[in-house]
Amino acid sequence: MSNQSPGLIVFEPVGFPAQDCSADAQSRKAFFRVNRGVIINLNYLKNYSYWENNKYILRLNNGKEFTSSRERIKNLKSK
């Protein structure tokens, strides 16, 4: 994981006990599922804007860009 950019997390399927999943709700609010393959740390989100076909583009501080659906952006705005 040391080769990865800050703010970008790639998960491999792993099982966790239920108590570990609810341990720190505040820290989980700092993360957002952009699409089915990407979860970002909101502390590294630079901006987002409408792109095309009801999709949005999210830009991170490190220059990475990801597309997301309008429905997911609604969830982001409610955080």
C-alpha atoms as a PDB file:
ATOM      1  CA  MET A   1       0.000   0.000   0.000  1.00  0.00           C
ATOM      2  CA  SER A   2       3.013   2.324   0.200  1.00  0.00           C
ATOM      3  CA  ASN A   3       2.896   2.863  -3.599  1.00  0.00           C
ATOM      4  CA  GLN A   4      -0.621   4.342  -3.421  1.00  0.00           C
ATOM      5  CA  SER A   5      -1.460   8.018  -3.521  1.00  0.00           C
ATOM      6  CA  PRO A   6      -2.755   9.643  -0.327  1.00  0.00           C
ATOM      7  CA  GLY A   7      -6.523   9.880  -0.370  1.00  0.00           C
ATOM      8  CA  LEU A   8      -6.940   6.810  -2.585  1.00  0.00           C
ATOM      9  CA  ILE A   9      -7.804   3.506  -0.961  1.00  0.00           C
ATOM     10  CA  VAL A  10      -8.095   0.204  -2.782  1.00  0.00           C
ATOM     11  CA  PHE A  11      -9.757  -2.553  -0.804  1.00  0.00           C
ATOM     12  CA  GLU A  12      -9.420  -6.276  -1.172  1.00  0.00           C
ATOM     13  CA  PRO A  13     -12.318  -8.407   0.066  1.00  0.00           C
ATOM     14  CA  VAL A  14     -11.722  -9.110   3.759  1.00  0.00           C
ATOM     15  CA  GLY A  15     -14.125 -10.093   6.523  1.00  0.00           C
ATOM     16  CA  PHE A  16     -14.323  -8.077   9.732  1.00  0.00           C
ATOM     17  CA  PRO A  17     -16.110  -8.805  13.007  1.00  0.00           C
ATOM     18  CA  ALA A  18     -19.242  -6.654  13.439  1.00  0.00           C
ATOM     19  CA  GLN A  19     -17.860  -4.739  16.416  1.00  0.00           C
ATOM     20  CA  ASP A  20     -14.866  -3.556  14.361  1.00  0.00           C
ATOM     21  CA  CYS A  21     -17.142  -2.106  11.673  1.00  0.00           C
ATOM     22  CA  SER A  22     -18.937   0.192  14.103  1.00  0.00           C
ATOM     23  CA  ALA A  23     -15.896   1.183  16.132  1.00  0.00           C
ATOM     24  CA  ASP A  24     -15.429   4.760  14.937  1.00  0.00           C
ATOM     25  CA  ALA A  25     -18.367   6.272  13.053  1.00  0.00           C
ATOM     26  CA  GLN A  26     -16.770   9.722  12.888  1.00  0.00           C
ATOM     27  CA  SER A  27     -13.729   8.519  10.946  1.00  0.00           C
ATOM     28  CA  ARG A  28     -15.979   6.691   8.472  1.00  0.00           C
ATOM     29  CA  LYS A  29     -17.693   9.990   7.620  1.00  0.00           C
ATOM     30  CA  ALA A  30     -14.388  11.143   6.132  1.00  0.00           C
ATOM     31  CA  PHE A  31     -14.716   8.533   3.362  1.00  0.00           C
ATOM     32  CA  PHE A  32     -17.004   8.504   0.346  1.00  0.00           C
ATOM     33  CA  ARG A  33     -17.750   5.797  -2.223  1.00  0.00           C
ATOM     34  CA  VAL A  34     -17.305   7.517  -5.588  1.00  0.00           C
ATOM     35  CA  ASN A  35     -18.349   4.454  -7.591  1.00  0.00           C
ATOM     36  CA  ARG A  36     -18.267   0.679  -7.227  1.00  0.00           C
ATOM     37  CA  GLY A  37     -14.476   0.566  -7.447  1.00  0.00           C
ATOM     38  CA  VAL A  38     -13.284   3.667  -5.616  1.00  0.00           C
ATOM     39  CA  ILE A  39     -13.554   5.058  -2.080  1.00  0.00           C
ATOM     40  CA  ILE A  40     -11.883   8.400  -1.354  1.00  0.00           C
ATOM     41  CA  ASN A  41     -10.904  10.309   1.751  1.00  0.00           C
ATOM     42  CA  LEU A  42     -12.952  13.531   1.658  1.00  0.00           C
ATOM     43  CA  ASN A  43     -10.061  15.415   3.244  1.00  0.00           C
ATOM     44  CA  TYR A  44      -8.283  15.087  -0.132  1.00  0.00           C
ATOM     45  CA  LEU A  45     -11.249  16.123  -2.307  1.00  0.00           C
ATOM     46  CA  LYS A  46     -10.373  19.309  -4.180  1.00  0.00           C
ATOM     47  CA  ASN A  47     -13.661  19.843  -6.053  1.00  0.00           C
ATOM     48  CA  TYR A  48     -16.378  18.228  -8.124  1.00  0.00           C
ATOM     49  CA  SER A  49     -18.395  19.425 -11.092  1.00  0.00           C
ATOM     50  CA  TYR A  50     -21.005  18.247 -13.576  1.00  0.00           C
ATOM     51  CA  TRP A  51     -19.437  16.337 -16.439  1.00  0.00           C
ATOM     52  CA  GLU A  52     -21.887  14.691 -18.877  1.00  0.00           C
ATOM     53  CA  ASN A  53     -24.848  12.282 -19.024  1.00  0.00           C
ATOM     54  CA  ASN A  54     -25.820  12.868 -15.369  1.00  0.00           C
ATOM     55  CA  LYS A  55     -22.293  12.132 -14.219  1.00  0.00           C
ATOM     56  CA  TYR A  56     -19.946  14.218 -12.129  1.00  0.00           C
ATOM     57  CA  ILE A  57     -16.178  14.338 -12.026  1.00  0.00           C
ATOM     58  CA  LEU A  58     -14.410  14.498  -8.663  1.00  0.00           C
ATOM     59  CA  ARG A  59     -10.866  15.843  -8.455  1.00  0.00           C
ATOM     60  CA  LEU A  60      -8.447  15.084  -5.644  1.00  0.00           C
ATOM     61  CA  ASN A  61      -5.608  17.296  -4.441  1.00  0.00           C
ATOM     62  CA  ASN A  62      -3.099  14.938  -6.077  1.00  0.00           C
ATOM     63  CA  GLY A  63      -4.652  15.422  -9.555  1.00  0.00           C
ATOM     64  CA  LYS A  64      -6.530  12.114  -9.769  1.00  0.00           C
ATOM     65  CA  GLU A  65     -10.025  12.298 -11.262  1.00  0.00           C
ATOM     66  CA  PHE A  66     -12.981   9.934 -10.843  1.00  0.00           C
ATOM     67  CA  THR A  67     -16.482   9.885 -12.279  1.00  0.00           C
ATOM     68  CA  SER A  68     -19.542   9.435 -10.114  1.00  0.00           C
ATOM     69  CA  SER A  69     -23.284   9.280 -10.646  1.00  0.00           C
ATOM     70  CA  ARG A  70     -25.687  12.078  -9.765  1.00  0.00           C
ATOM     71  CA  GLU A  71     -27.248   9.874  -7.066  1.00  0.00           C
ATOM     72  CA  ARG A  72     -23.921   9.390  -5.313  1.00  0.00           C
ATOM     73  CA  ILE A  73     -23.222  13.138  -5.454  1.00  0.00           C
ATOM     74  CA  LYS A  74     -26.558  13.717  -3.695  1.00  0.00           C
ATOM     75  CA  ASN A  75     -25.235  11.491  -0.891  1.00  0.00           C
ATOM     76  CA  LEU A  76     -21.997  13.482  -0.826  1.00  0.00           C
ATOM     77  CA  LYS A  77     -23.853  16.776  -0.512  1.00  0.00           C
ATOM     78  CA  SER A  78     -25.866  15.427   2.428  1.00  0.00           C
ATOM     79  CA  LYS A  79     -22.679  14.596   4.423  1.00  0.00           C
END
